[in-house]
PDB file of N, CA and C in Angstrom:
ATOM      1  N   MET A   1     124.972  47.267  91.977  1.00  0.00           N
ATOM      2  CA  MET A   1     123.914  47.589  91.664  1.00  0.00           C
ATOM      3  C   MET A   1     122.892  46.577  90.838  1.00  0.00           C
ATOM      4  N   THR A   2     121.773  46.157  91.276  1.00  0.00           N
ATOM      5  CA  THR A   2     121.161  45.323  90.199  1.00  0.00           C
ATOM      6  C   THR A   2     120.366  45.983  89.436  1.00  0.00           C
ATOM      7  N   LYS A   3     120.319  45.335  87.947  1.00  0.00           N
ATOM      8  CA  LYS A   3     119.303  46.435  87.311  1.00  0.00           C
ATOM      9  C   LYS A   3     117.818  45.713  87.623  1.00  0.00           C
ATOM     10  N   GLN A   4     116.964  46.887  87.565  1.00  0.00           N
ATOM     11  CA  GLN A   4     115.774  47.120  87.897  1.00  0.00           C
ATOM     12  C   GLN A   4     115.141  46.385  87.139  1.00  0.00           C
ATOM     13  N   LYS A   5     114.021  45.128  87.406  1.00  0.00           N
ATOM     14  CA  LYS A   5     113.418  44.356  86.522  1.00  0.00           C
ATOM     15  C   LYS A   5     112.032  44.869  85.902  1.00  0.00           C
ATOM     16  N   LYS A   6     111.852  44.425  85.182  1.00  0.00           N
ATOM     17  CA  LYS A   6     110.702  45.376  83.751  1.00  0.00           C
ATOM     18  C   LYS A   6     109.842  44.461  83.541  1.00  0.00           C
ATOM     19  N   ILE A   7     108.513  45.097  84.054  1.00  0.00           N
ATOM     20  CA  ILE A   7     107.156  44.076  83.743  1.00  0.00           C
ATOM     21  C   ILE A   7     106.590  44.846  82.718  1.00  0.00           C
ATOM     22  N   VAL A   8     105.981  43.931  81.691  1.00  0.00           N
ATOM     23  CA  VAL A   8     104.628  44.532  80.997  1.00  0.00           C
ATOM     24  C   VAL A   8     103.491  44.389  81.502  1.00  0.00           C
ATOM     25  N   VAL A   9     102.547  45.075  81.881  1.00  0.00           N
ATOM     26  CA  VAL A   9     100.899  44.948  82.404  1.00  0.00           C
ATOM     27  C   VAL A   9      99.937  45.334  81.114  1.00  0.00           C
ATOM     28  N   VAL A  10      99.442  44.526  80.914  1.00  0.00           N
ATOM     29  CA  VAL A  10      98.421  44.899  79.824  1.00  0.00           C
ATOM     30  C   VAL A  10      97.100  44.598  80.362  1.00  0.00           C
ATOM     31  N   ASP A  11      95.973  44.963  80.070  1.00  0.00           N
ATOM     32  CA  ASP A  11      94.639  45.324  80.706  1.00  0.00           C
ATOM     33  C   ASP A  11      93.806  46.165  80.307  1.00  0.00           C
ATOM     34  N   ASP A  12      92.399  46.143  79.384  1.00  0.00           N
ATOM     35  CA  ASP A  12      92.022  46.998  78.882  1.00  0.00           C
ATOM     36  C   ASP A  12      91.186  47.955  79.938  1.00  0.00           C
ATOM     37  N   PHE A  13      91.252  47.805  81.240  1.00  0.00           N
ATOM     38  CA  PHE A  13      90.906  48.544  82.307  1.00  0.00           C
ATOM     39  C   PHE A  13      91.696  49.101  83.202  1.00  0.00           C
ATOM     40  N   THR A  14      91.717  50.832  82.959  1.00  0.00           N
ATOM     41  CA  THR A  14      92.688  51.422  83.679  1.00  0.00           C
ATOM     42  C   THR A  14      92.525  50.860  85.251  1.00  0.00           C
ATOM     43  N   SER A  15      91.919  50.813  85.900  1.00  0.00           N
ATOM     44  CA  SER A  15      91.789  50.627  87.379  1.00  0.00           C
ATOM     45  C   SER A  15      92.802  49.473  87.722  1.00  0.00           C
ATOM     46  N   ILE A  16      92.666  48.152  87.136  1.00  0.00           N
ATOM     47  CA  ILE A  16      93.214  47.050  87.074  1.00  0.00           C
ATOM     48  C   ILE A  16      94.661  47.146  86.683  1.00  0.00           C
ATOM     49  N   ARG A  17      95.012  48.126  85.629  1.00  0.00           N
ATOM     50  CA  ARG A  17      96.867  48.628  85.424  1.00  0.00           C
ATOM     51  C   ARG A  17      96.901  49.110  86.430  1.00  0.00           C
ATOM     52  N   SER A  18      95.887  50.210  87.159  1.00  0.00           N
ATOM     53  CA  SER A  18      96.774  51.281  88.079  1.00  0.00           C
ATOM     54  C   SER A  18      97.049  50.021  89.693  1.00  0.00           C
ATOM     55  N   ILE A  19      96.277  49.320  89.842  1.00  0.00           N
ATOM     56  CA  ILE A  19      96.360  48.585  91.035  1.00  0.00           C
ATOM     57  C   ILE A  19      97.170  47.775  90.851  1.00  0.00           C
ATOM     58  N   ILE A  20      97.780  47.091  90.044  1.00  0.00           N
ATOM     59  CA  ILE A  20      99.129  46.307  89.457  1.00  0.00           C
ATOM     60  C   ILE A  20     100.319  47.133  89.487  1.00  0.00           C
ATOM     61  N   ARG A  21     100.041  47.876  88.748  1.00  0.00           N
ATOM     62  CA  ARG A  21     101.314  49.195  88.962  1.00  0.00           C
ATOM     63  C   ARG A  21     101.904  49.603  90.261  1.00  0.00           C
ATOM     64  N   GLU A  22     100.512  50.134  90.667  1.00  0.00           N
ATOM     65  CA  GLU A  22     101.235  50.863  92.138  1.00  0.00           C
ATOM     66  C   GLU A  22     101.819  49.420  93.087  1.00  0.00           C
ATOM     67  N   THR A  23     101.304  48.165  93.175  1.00  0.00           N
ATOM     68  CA  THR A  23     101.931  47.353  93.820  1.00  0.00           C
ATOM     69  C   THR A  23     103.448  46.891  93.424  1.00  0.00           C
ATOM     70  N   LEU A  24     103.298  46.527  92.162  1.00  0.00           N
ATOM     71  CA  LEU A  24     104.981  46.595  91.698  1.00  0.00           C
ATOM     72  C   LEU A  24     105.487  47.701  91.936  1.00  0.00           C
ATOM     73  N   VAL A  25     105.243  48.725  91.473  1.00  0.00           N
ATOM     74  CA  VAL A  25     106.476  50.262  91.466  1.00  0.00           C
ATOM     75  C   VAL A  25     106.614  50.170  93.227  1.00  0.00           C
ATOM     76  N   LYS A  26     105.909  49.869  93.748  1.00  0.00           N
ATOM     77  CA  LYS A  26     106.351  49.940  95.487  1.00  0.00           C
ATOM     78  C   LYS A  26     107.217  49.059  95.857  1.00  0.00           C
ATOM     79  N   LYS A  27     107.279  47.868  95.124  1.00  0.00           N
ATOM     80  CA  LYS A  27     108.241  46.551  95.206  1.00  0.00           C
ATOM     81  C   LYS A  27     109.640  47.270  94.320  1.00  0.00           C
ATOM     82  N   GLY A  28     109.651  47.945  93.580  1.00  0.00           N
ATOM     83  CA  GLY A  28     111.053  48.395  92.827  1.00  0.00           C
ATOM     84  C   GLY A  28     110.846  47.810  91.315  1.00  0.00           C
ATOM     85  N   PHE A  29     109.811  47.274  91.297  1.00  0.00           N
ATOM     86  CA  PHE A  29     109.718  47.092  89.363  1.00  0.00           C
ATOM     87  C   PHE A  29     109.458  48.608  88.587  1.00  0.00           C
ATOM     88  N   LEU A  30     110.281  48.484  87.490  1.00  0.00           N
ATOM     89  CA  LEU A  30     109.753  49.152  86.447  1.00  0.00           C
ATOM     90  C   LEU A  30     108.571  48.487  85.586  1.00  0.00           C
ATOM     91  N   VAL A  31     107.485  49.170  85.409  1.00  0.00           N
ATOM     92  CA  VAL A  31     106.093  48.858  84.593  1.00  0.00           C
ATOM     93  C   VAL A  31     105.791  49.521  83.587  1.00  0.00           C
ATOM     94  N   LEU A  32     105.526  48.819  82.486  1.00  0.00           N
ATOM     95  CA  LEU A  32     105.164  49.243  81.334  1.00  0.00           C
ATOM     96  C   LEU A  32     103.835  49.140  80.936  1.00  0.00           C
ATOM     97  N   GLU A  33     103.176  50.073  81.010  1.00  0.00           N
ATOM     98  CA  GLU A  33     101.370  49.474  80.837  1.00  0.00           C
ATOM     99  C   GLU A  33     100.955  49.555  79.092  1.00  0.00           C
ATOM    100  N   ALA A  34      99.939  49.075  79.138  1.00  0.00           N
ATOM    101  CA  ALA A  34      99.174  48.600  77.611  1.00  0.00           C
ATOM    102  C   ALA A  34      97.557  48.763  77.958  1.00  0.00           C
ATOM    103  N   SER A  35      96.662  49.255  76.964  1.00  0.00           N
ATOM    104  CA  SER A  35      95.529  48.822  77.147  1.00  0.00           C
ATOM    105  C   SER A  35      95.073  47.870  76.316  1.00  0.00           C
ATOM    106  N   SER A  36      95.721  47.198  75.591  1.00  0.00           N
ATOM    107  CA  SER A  36      95.464  46.292  74.669  1.00  0.00           C
ATOM    108  C   SER A  36      96.873  45.567  74.274  1.00  0.00           C
ATOM    109  N   GLY A  37      96.367  44.492  73.775  1.00  0.00           N
ATOM    110  CA  GLY A  37      97.682  43.148  72.771  1.00  0.00           C
ATOM    111  C   GLY A  37      98.397  44.279  72.143  1.00  0.00           C
ATOM    112  N   GLU A  38      97.915  44.622  71.098  1.00  0.00           N
ATOM    113  CA  GLU A  38      98.471  45.366  70.208  1.00  0.00           C
ATOM    114  C   GLU A  38      99.471  46.652  70.315  1.00  0.00           C
ATOM    115  N   GLU A  39      99.018  47.265  71.432  1.00  0.00           N
ATOM    116  CA  GLU A  39      99.686  48.305  71.777  1.00  0.00           C
ATOM    117  C   GLU A  39     100.984  47.369  72.848  1.00  0.00           C
ATOM    118  N   ALA A  40     100.719  46.589  73.728  1.00  0.00           N
ATOM    119  CA  ALA A  40     101.987  45.729  74.420  1.00  0.00           C
ATOM    120  C   ALA A  40     102.951  45.170  73.648  1.00  0.00           C
ATOM    121  N   LEU A  41     102.645  44.836  72.087  1.00  0.00           N
ATOM    122  CA  LEU A  41     103.669  44.595  71.273  1.00  0.00           C
ATOM    123  C   LEU A  41     104.686  45.628  71.125  1.00  0.00           C
ATOM    124  N   LYS A  42     104.597  46.849  71.249  1.00  0.00           N
ATOM    125  CA  LYS A  42     105.640  47.818  71.012  1.00  0.00           C
ATOM    126  C   LYS A  42     106.805  47.756  72.186  1.00  0.00           C
ATOM    127  N   TYR A  43     106.382  46.596  73.357  1.00  0.00           N
ATOM    128  CA  TYR A  43     107.412  46.995  74.162  1.00  0.00           C
ATOM    129  C   TYR A  43     108.143  45.448  73.971  1.00  0.00           C
ATOM    130  N   PHE A  44     108.006  44.859  73.241  1.00  0.00           N
ATOM    131  CA  PHE A  44     108.805  43.804  73.158  1.00  0.00           C
ATOM    132  C   PHE A  44     109.783  44.051  71.718  1.00  0.00           C
ATOM    133  N   ASP A  45     110.438  44.876  71.784  1.00  0.00           N
ATOM    134  CA  ASP A  45     111.214  45.465  70.904  1.00  0.00           C
ATOM    135  C   ASP A  45     112.730  44.978  70.735  1.00  0.00           C
ATOM    136  N   GLY A  46     113.514  43.791  71.190  1.00  0.00           N
ATOM    137  CA  GLY A  46     114.229  43.519  71.486  1.00  0.00           C
ATOM    138  C   GLY A  46     114.759  43.937  73.209  1.00  0.00           C
ATOM    139  N   THR A  47     114.326  44.788  73.867  1.00  0.00           N
ATOM    140  CA  THR A  47     114.779  45.103  74.616  1.00  0.00           C
ATOM    141  C   THR A  47     114.495  44.054  75.913  1.00  0.00           C
ATOM    142  N   GLN A  48     114.827  44.296  77.055  1.00  0.00           N
ATOM    143  CA  GLN A  48     114.495  43.102  78.444  1.00  0.00           C
ATOM    144  C   GLN A  48     113.483  43.110  78.674  1.00  0.00           C
ATOM    145  N   VAL A  49     112.558  42.408  78.831  1.00  0.00           N
ATOM    146  CA  VAL A  49     111.267  42.477  79.472  1.00  0.00           C
ATOM    147  C   VAL A  49     111.557  41.070  80.358  1.00  0.00           C
ATOM    148  N   ASP A  50     110.974  41.211  81.747  1.00  0.00           N
ATOM    149  CA  ASP A  50     111.142  40.375  82.676  1.00  0.00           C
ATOM    150  C   ASP A  50     109.968  39.548  83.012  1.00  0.00           C
ATOM    151  N   LEU A  51     109.080  40.264  82.652  1.00  0.00           N
ATOM    152  CA  LEU A  51     107.618  39.165  83.122  1.00  0.00           C
ATOM    153  C   LEU A  51     106.513  40.161  82.274  1.00  0.00           C
ATOM    154  N   LEU A  52     105.583  39.163  81.620  1.00  0.00           N
ATOM    155  CA  LEU A  52     104.277  39.715  81.042  1.00  0.00           C
ATOM    156  C   LEU A  52     103.174  39.231  82.111  1.00  0.00           C
ATOM    157  N   ILE A  53     102.340  40.537  82.565  1.00  0.00           N
ATOM    158  CA  ILE A  53     101.198  40.110  83.371  1.00  0.00           C
ATOM    159  C   ILE A  53     100.099  40.630  82.092  1.00  0.00           C
ATOM    160  N   THR A  54      99.073  39.695  81.745  1.00  0.00           N
ATOM    161  CA  THR A  54      97.965  40.126  80.759  1.00  0.00           C
ATOM    162  C   THR A  54      96.539  39.692  81.481  1.00  0.00           C
ATOM    163  N   ASP A  55      96.044  40.523  80.723  1.00  0.00           N
ATOM    164  CA  ASP A  55      94.234  40.002  80.982  1.00  0.00           C
ATOM    165  C   ASP A  55      94.216  39.014  79.994  1.00  0.00           C
ATOM    166  N   PHE A  56      93.107  38.219  80.107  1.00  0.00           N
ATOM    167  CA  PHE A  56      92.812  37.377  79.001  1.00  0.00           C
ATOM    168  C   PHE A  56      91.756  38.051  78.314  1.00  0.00           C
ATOM    169  N   ASP A  57      90.752  38.462  78.519  1.00  0.00           N
ATOM    170  CA  ASP A  57      89.228  38.925  77.815  1.00  0.00           C
ATOM    171  C   ASP A  57      89.959  40.425  77.429  1.00  0.00           C
ATOM    172  N   MET A  58      90.142  40.995  76.232  1.00  0.00           N
ATOM    173  CA  MET A  58      90.285  42.238  76.022  1.00  0.00           C
ATOM    174  C   MET A  58      89.674  42.087  74.265  1.00  0.00           C
ATOM    175  N   PRO A  59      89.437  43.288  74.281  1.00  0.00           N
ATOM    176  CA  PRO A  59      89.052  43.564  72.585  1.00  0.00           C
ATOM    177  C   PRO A  59      90.358  43.503  71.564  1.00  0.00           C
ATOM    178  N   ASP A  60      89.577  42.992  70.624  1.00  0.00           N
ATOM    179  CA  ASP A  60      90.929  43.010  69.249  1.00  0.00           C
ATOM    180  C   ASP A  60      91.702  41.747  69.393  1.00  0.00           C
ATOM    181  N   MET A  61      92.821  42.000  70.746  1.00  0.00           N
ATOM    182  CA  MET A  61      93.371  40.793  70.642  1.00  0.00           C
ATOM    183  C   MET A  61      93.555  40.318  71.979  1.00  0.00           C
ATOM    184  N   ASN A  62      93.105  39.186  72.357  1.00  0.00           N
ATOM    185  CA  ASN A  62      93.053  38.665  73.627  1.00  0.00           C
ATOM    186  C   ASN A  62      94.192  38.239  74.068  1.00  0.00           C
ATOM    187  N   GLY A  63      94.263  37.745  75.378  1.00  0.00           N
ATOM    188  CA  GLY A  63      95.679  37.380  75.975  1.00  0.00           C
ATOM    189  C   GLY A  63      96.084  36.434  75.738  1.00  0.00           C
ATOM    190  N   ALA A  64      95.579  35.322  75.110  1.00  0.00           N
ATOM    191  CA  ALA A  64      96.144  34.081  74.305  1.00  0.00           C
ATOM    192  C   ALA A  64      96.693  34.525  73.287  1.00  0.00           C
ATOM    193  N   GLN A  65      96.177  35.467  72.238  1.00  0.00           N
ATOM    194  CA  GLN A  65      96.728  35.907  70.854  1.00  0.00           C
ATOM    195  C   GLN A  65      98.213  36.649  71.369  1.00  0.00           C
ATOM    196  N   LEU A  66      98.183  37.690  72.249  1.00  0.00           N
ATOM    197  CA  LEU A  66      99.047  38.304  72.313  1.00  0.00           C
ATOM    198  C   LEU A  66     100.441  37.504  73.482  1.00  0.00           C
ATOM    199  N   ILE A  67     100.157  36.624  74.151  1.00  0.00           N
ATOM    200  CA  ILE A  67     101.322  35.495  74.149  1.00  0.00           C
ATOM    201  C   ILE A  67     101.553  34.951  73.050  1.00  0.00           C
ATOM    202  N   GLY A  68     100.817  34.588  72.343  1.00  0.00           N
ATOM    203  CA  GLY A  68     101.490  33.905  70.901  1.00  0.00           C
ATOM    204  C   GLY A  68     101.901  34.519  70.331  1.00  0.00           C
ATOM    205  N   ARG A  69     101.897  35.901  69.768  1.00  0.00           N
ATOM    206  CA  ARG A  69     102.877  36.728  69.152  1.00  0.00           C
ATOM    207  C   ARG A  69     104.248  37.122  69.942  1.00  0.00           C
ATOM    208  N   VAL A  70     103.957  37.203  70.932  1.00  0.00           N
ATOM    209  CA  VAL A  70     105.714  37.351  71.980  1.00  0.00           C
ATOM    210  C   VAL A  70     106.005  36.150  72.003  1.00  0.00           C
ATOM    211  N   ARG A  71     105.294  34.769  71.910  1.00  0.00           N
ATOM    212  CA  ARG A  71     106.182  33.262  71.964  1.00  0.00           C
ATOM    213  C   ARG A  71     107.175  33.422  70.818  1.00  0.00           C
ATOM    214  N   GLU A  72     106.446  33.762  68.997  1.00  0.00           N
ATOM    215  CA  GLU A  72     107.284  33.785  68.192  1.00  0.00           C
ATOM    216  C   GLU A  72     108.450  34.528  68.231  1.00  0.00           C
ATOM    217  N   MET A  73     108.664  35.444  69.110  1.00  0.00           N
ATOM    218  CA  MET A  73     110.092  36.210  68.878  1.00  0.00           C
ATOM    219  C   MET A  73     110.923  35.676  69.802  1.00  0.00           C
ATOM    220  N   THR A  74     111.714  35.178  69.174  1.00  0.00           N
ATOM    221  CA  THR A  74     112.713  34.487  69.738  1.00  0.00           C
ATOM    222  C   THR A  74     113.110  34.700  70.920  1.00  0.00           C
ATOM    223  N   ARG A  75     113.496  36.214  71.434  1.00  0.00           N
ATOM    224  CA  ARG A  75     114.020  36.669  72.508  1.00  0.00           C
ATOM    225  C   ARG A  75     113.376  36.309  73.788  1.00  0.00           C
ATOM    226  N   TYR A  76     111.881  36.376  73.512  1.00  0.00           N
ATOM    227  CA  TYR A  76     110.802  36.237  74.403  1.00  0.00           C
ATOM    228  C   TYR A  76     110.138  34.969  74.331  1.00  0.00           C
ATOM    229  N   MET A  77     110.743  33.817  73.601  1.00  0.00           N
ATOM    230  CA  MET A  77     110.142  32.734  73.846  1.00  0.00           C
ATOM    231  C   MET A  77     109.763  31.988  75.318  1.00  0.00           C
ATOM    232  N   PHE A  78     110.899  32.409  76.392  1.00  0.00           N
ATOM    233  CA  PHE A  78     110.324  31.939  77.580  1.00  0.00           C
ATOM    234  C   PHE A  78     110.419  32.889  78.797  1.00  0.00           C
ATOM    235  N   THR A  79     110.052  34.150  78.449  1.00  0.00           N
ATOM    236  CA  THR A  79     109.467  35.036  79.057  1.00  0.00           C
ATOM    237  C   THR A  79     108.454  34.526  80.132  1.00  0.00           C
ATOM    238  N   PRO A  80     108.419  34.649  81.583  1.00  0.00           N
ATOM    239  CA  PRO A  80     107.425  34.348  82.219  1.00  0.00           C
ATOM    240  C   PRO A  80     105.740  35.257  81.831  1.00  0.00           C
ATOM    241  N   VAL A  81     105.148  34.543  81.766  1.00  0.00           N
ATOM    242  CA  VAL A  81     103.799  35.184  81.803  1.00  0.00           C
ATOM    243  C   VAL A  81     103.092  35.033  82.964  1.00  0.00           C
ATOM    244  N   VAL A  82     101.959  35.966  83.328  1.00  0.00           N
ATOM    245  CA  VAL A  82     101.125  35.332  84.195  1.00  0.00           C
ATOM    246  C   VAL A  82      99.655  36.049  83.509  1.00  0.00           C
ATOM    247  N   ILE A  83      98.573  35.389  83.729  1.00  0.00           N
ATOM    248  CA  ILE A  83      97.393  35.936  82.985  1.00  0.00           C
ATOM    249  C   ILE A  83      96.601  36.265  84.285  1.00  0.00           C
ATOM    250  N   VAL A  84      96.311  37.592  84.310  1.00  0.00           N
ATOM    251  CA  VAL A  84      94.891  38.105  85.505  1.00  0.00           C
ATOM    252  C   VAL A  84      93.746  38.169  84.813  1.00  0.00           C
ATOM    253  N   SER A  85      92.735  37.264  85.203  1.00  0.00           N
ATOM    254  CA  SER A  85      91.204  37.446  84.354  1.00  0.00           C
ATOM    255  C   SER A  85      89.934  37.266  85.121  1.00  0.00           C
ATOM    256  N   GLY A  86      89.175  37.501  84.598  1.00  0.00           N
ATOM    257  CA  GLY A  86      88.157  37.283  85.264  1.00  0.00           C
ATOM    258  C   GLY A  86      87.125  36.159  84.942  1.00  0.00           C
ATOM    259  N   ILE A  87      87.869  35.405  83.904  1.00  0.00           N
ATOM    260  CA  ILE A  87      87.092  34.120  83.528  1.00  0.00           C
ATOM    261  C   ILE A  87      87.748  32.782  84.214  1.00  0.00           C
ATOM    262  N   LYS A  88      87.073  32.066  84.260  1.00  0.00           N
ATOM    263  CA  LYS A  88      87.761  30.688  85.212  1.00  0.00           C
ATOM    264  C   LYS A  88      88.735  29.920  84.071  1.00  0.00           C
ATOM    265  N   ARG A  89      89.748  29.585  84.808  1.00  0.00           N
ATOM    266  CA  ARG A  89      90.896  28.918  83.725  1.00  0.00           C
ATOM    267  C   ARG A  89      90.684  27.829  82.898  1.00  0.00           C
ATOM    268  N   ASP A  90      89.538  26.834  83.295  1.00  0.00           N
ATOM    269  CA  ASP A  90      89.160  25.428  82.942  1.00  0.00           C
ATOM    270  C   ASP A  90      88.229  26.369  81.633  1.00  0.00           C
ATOM    271  N   ARG A  91      87.323  27.312  81.510  1.00  0.00           N
ATOM    272  CA  ARG A  91      86.721  27.860  80.135  1.00  0.00           C
ATOM    273  C   ARG A  91      87.781  28.443  79.256  1.00  0.00           C
ATOM    274  N   VAL A  92      89.022  28.975  79.639  1.00  0.00           N
ATOM    275  CA  VAL A  92      89.725  28.874  77.977  1.00  0.00           C
ATOM    276  C   VAL A  92      91.261  28.081  78.081  1.00  0.00           C
ATOM    277  N   GLN A  93      91.401  26.846  78.951  1.00  0.00           N
ATOM    278  CA  GLN A  93      92.200  26.078  79.376  1.00  0.00           C
ATOM    279  C   GLN A  93      92.693  25.811  77.632  1.00  0.00           C
ATOM    280  N   ASP A  94      91.598  25.397  76.772  1.00  0.00           N
ATOM    281  CA  ASP A  94      92.040  25.021  75.559  1.00  0.00           C
ATOM    282  C   ASP A  94      92.779  26.279  74.622  1.00  0.00           C
ATOM    283  N   GLN A  95      92.937  27.246  74.640  1.00  0.00           N
ATOM    284  CA  GLN A  95      93.308  28.585  74.037  1.00  0.00           C
ATOM    285  C   GLN A  95      94.894  28.720  74.540  1.00  0.00           C
ATOM    286  N   LEU A  96      94.912  27.880  75.863  1.00  0.00           N
ATOM    287  CA  LEU A  96      96.236  28.462  76.719  1.00  0.00           C
ATOM    288  C   LEU A  96      97.252  27.119  76.406  1.00  0.00           C
ATOM    289  N   GLU A  97      96.943  26.195  75.795  1.00  0.00           N
ATOM    290  CA  GLU A  97      97.534  25.134  75.614  1.00  0.00           C
ATOM    291  C   GLU A  97      98.715  25.510  74.689  1.00  0.00           C
ATOM    292  N   ASP A  98      99.700  25.111  74.998  1.00  0.00           N
ATOM    293  CA  ASP A  98     101.613  25.559  74.374  1.00  0.00           C
ATOM    294  C   ASP A  98     102.088  26.639  74.152  1.00  0.00           C
ATOM    295  N   LEU A  99     101.132  27.310  75.221  1.00  0.00           N
ATOM    296  CA  LEU A  99     101.788  28.734  75.545  1.00  0.00           C
ATOM    297  C   LEU A  99     102.513  29.041  76.504  1.00  0.00           C
ATOM    298  N   ASN A 100     102.964  28.027  77.248  1.00  0.00           N
ATOM    299  CA  ASN A 100     104.103  28.104  78.786  1.00  0.00           C
ATOM    300  C   ASN A 100     103.635  29.306  79.761  1.00  0.00           C
ATOM    301  N   ILE A 101     102.189  29.303  80.066  1.00  0.00           N
ATOM    302  CA  ILE A 101     101.925  30.177  81.095  1.00  0.00           C
ATOM    303  C   ILE A 101     102.640  29.461  82.575  1.00  0.00           C
ATOM    304  N   ALA A 102     103.066  30.430  83.149  1.00  0.00           N
ATOM    305  CA  ALA A 102     103.960  30.411  84.220  1.00  0.00           C
ATOM    306  C   ALA A 102     102.810  30.592  85.875  1.00  0.00           C
ATOM    307  N   ALA A 103     101.542  31.397  85.466  1.00  0.00           N
ATOM    308  CA  ALA A 103     100.617  31.279  86.245  1.00  0.00           C
ATOM    309  C   ALA A 103      99.387  31.937  85.767  1.00  0.00           C
ATOM    310  N   TYR A 104      98.032  31.678  86.250  1.00  0.00           N
ATOM    311  CA  TYR A 104      96.687  32.002  86.041  1.00  0.00           C
ATOM    312  C   TYR A 104      96.059  32.609  87.349  1.00  0.00           C
ATOM    313  N   LEU A 105      95.641  33.921  87.378  1.00  0.00           N
ATOM    314  CA  LEU A 105      95.276  34.387  88.492  1.00  0.00           C
ATOM    315  C   LEU A 105      93.894  34.714  88.113  1.00  0.00           C
ATOM    316  N   GLN A 106      92.950  34.420  88.895  1.00  0.00           N
ATOM    317  CA  GLN A 106      91.202  34.989  88.779  1.00  0.00           C
ATOM    318  C   GLN A 106      91.213  36.066  89.401  1.00  0.00           C
ATOM    319  N   LYS A 107      90.513  37.482  88.942  1.00  0.00           N
ATOM    320  CA  LYS A 107      90.203  38.398  89.178  1.00  0.00           C
ATOM    321  C   LYS A 107      88.752  38.081  90.206  1.00  0.00           C
ATOM    322  N   PRO A 108      88.706  38.705  91.185  1.00  0.00           N
ATOM    323  CA  PRO A 108      89.694  39.658  91.890  1.00  0.00           C
ATOM    324  C   PRO A 108      90.721  38.992  92.619  1.00  0.00           C
ATOM    325  N   PHE A 109      92.043  39.121  92.839  1.00  0.00           N
ATOM    326  CA  PHE A 109      92.995  38.244  92.953  1.00  0.00           C
ATOM    327  C   PHE A 109      93.394  39.280  94.620  1.00  0.00           C
ATOM    328  N   GLU A 110      94.174  38.462  95.361  1.00  0.00           N
ATOM    329  CA  GLU A 110      94.639  38.927  96.482  1.00  0.00           C
ATOM    330  C   GLU A 110      95.645  39.034  96.529  1.00  0.00           C
ATOM    331  N   ILE A 111      96.127  40.437  96.609  1.00  0.00           N
ATOM    332  CA  ILE A 111      97.034  41.021  96.226  1.00  0.00           C
ATOM    333  C   ILE A 111      98.581  40.489  97.203  1.00  0.00           C
ATOM    334  N   THR A 112      98.614  40.095  97.871  1.00  0.00           N
ATOM    335  CA  THR A 112      99.911  39.429  98.277  1.00  0.00           C
ATOM    336  C   THR A 112     100.212  38.287  97.768  1.00  0.00           C
ATOM    337  N   HIS A 113      99.177  37.490  97.291  1.00  0.00           N
ATOM    338  CA  HIS A 113      99.183  36.482  96.915  1.00  0.00           C
ATOM    339  C   HIS A 113     100.003  36.486  95.322  1.00  0.00           C
ATOM    340  N   PHE A 114      99.356  37.514  94.874  1.00  0.00           N
ATOM    341  CA  PHE A 114      99.244  38.161  93.764  1.00  0.00           C
ATOM    342  C   PHE A 114     101.384  38.314  93.375  1.00  0.00           C
ATOM    343  N   TYR A 115     101.606  39.339  94.418  1.00  0.00           N
ATOM    344  CA  TYR A 115     102.996  39.634  94.545  1.00  0.00           C
ATOM    345  C   TYR A 115     104.094  38.601  94.932  1.00  0.00           C
ATOM    346  N   LYS A 116     103.429  37.650  95.732  1.00  0.00           N
ATOM    347  CA  LYS A 116     104.271  36.116  95.606  1.00  0.00           C
ATOM    348  C   LYS A 116     104.289  35.737  94.438  1.00  0.00           C
ATOM    349  N   VAL A 117     103.634  35.786  93.474  1.00  0.00           N
ATOM    350  CA  VAL A 117     103.654  34.774  92.272  1.00  0.00           C
ATOM    351  C   VAL A 117     104.623  35.760  91.754  1.00  0.00           C
ATOM    352  N   VAL A 118     104.709  37.028  91.535  1.00  0.00           N
ATOM    353  CA  VAL A 118     105.446  37.795  90.748  1.00  0.00           C
ATOM    354  C   VAL A 118     106.968  37.739  91.379  1.00  0.00           C
ATOM    355  N   GLU A 119     107.060  37.696  92.440  1.00  0.00           N
ATOM    356  CA  GLU A 119     108.645  37.608  92.922  1.00  0.00           C
ATOM    357  C   GLU A 119     109.018  36.421  92.498  1.00  0.00           C
ATOM    358  N   ARG A 120     108.015  35.258  92.700  1.00  0.00           N
ATOM    359  CA  ARG A 120     108.924  33.842  92.461  1.00  0.00           C
ATOM    360  C   ARG A 120     109.108  33.588  90.745  1.00  0.00           C
ATOM    361  N   LEU A 121     108.461  34.467  90.020  1.00  0.00           N
ATOM    362  CA  LEU A 121     108.790  34.696  88.328  1.00  0.00           C
ATOM    363  C   LEU A 121     109.774  35.559  88.034  1.00  0.00           C
ATOM    364  N   THR A 122     110.450  36.676  88.965  1.00  0.00           N
ATOM    365  CA  THR A 122     111.398  37.582  88.473  1.00  0.00           C
ATOM    366  C   THR A 122     112.717  37.317  88.904  1.00  0.00           C
TER     367      THR A 122
END
């Protein structure tokens, strides 16, 4: 039996987290949700995290800051990261340098494309 893949989903909008969670749970993933970057950090406690999906524009700690904090932890240096954001990538590209982002999807995103990205990274 293969181990269930664990995905951390971070977005300050409950509706976005719900859509992502429902999509991933249907495909057999274990989904952990957080409404902020600070809240998400509790999931990076040394246990396995197979993928981080985060919004970029959030209060207190944006997606780039969260990814930076996660990348500082040796165990998660190479954990794949997908950013889902309403902001065009070129507007935040300078903040993403050196963070090793696997994918950047602009909201609204097409759910089948989203799942193909997740499947490729897990």
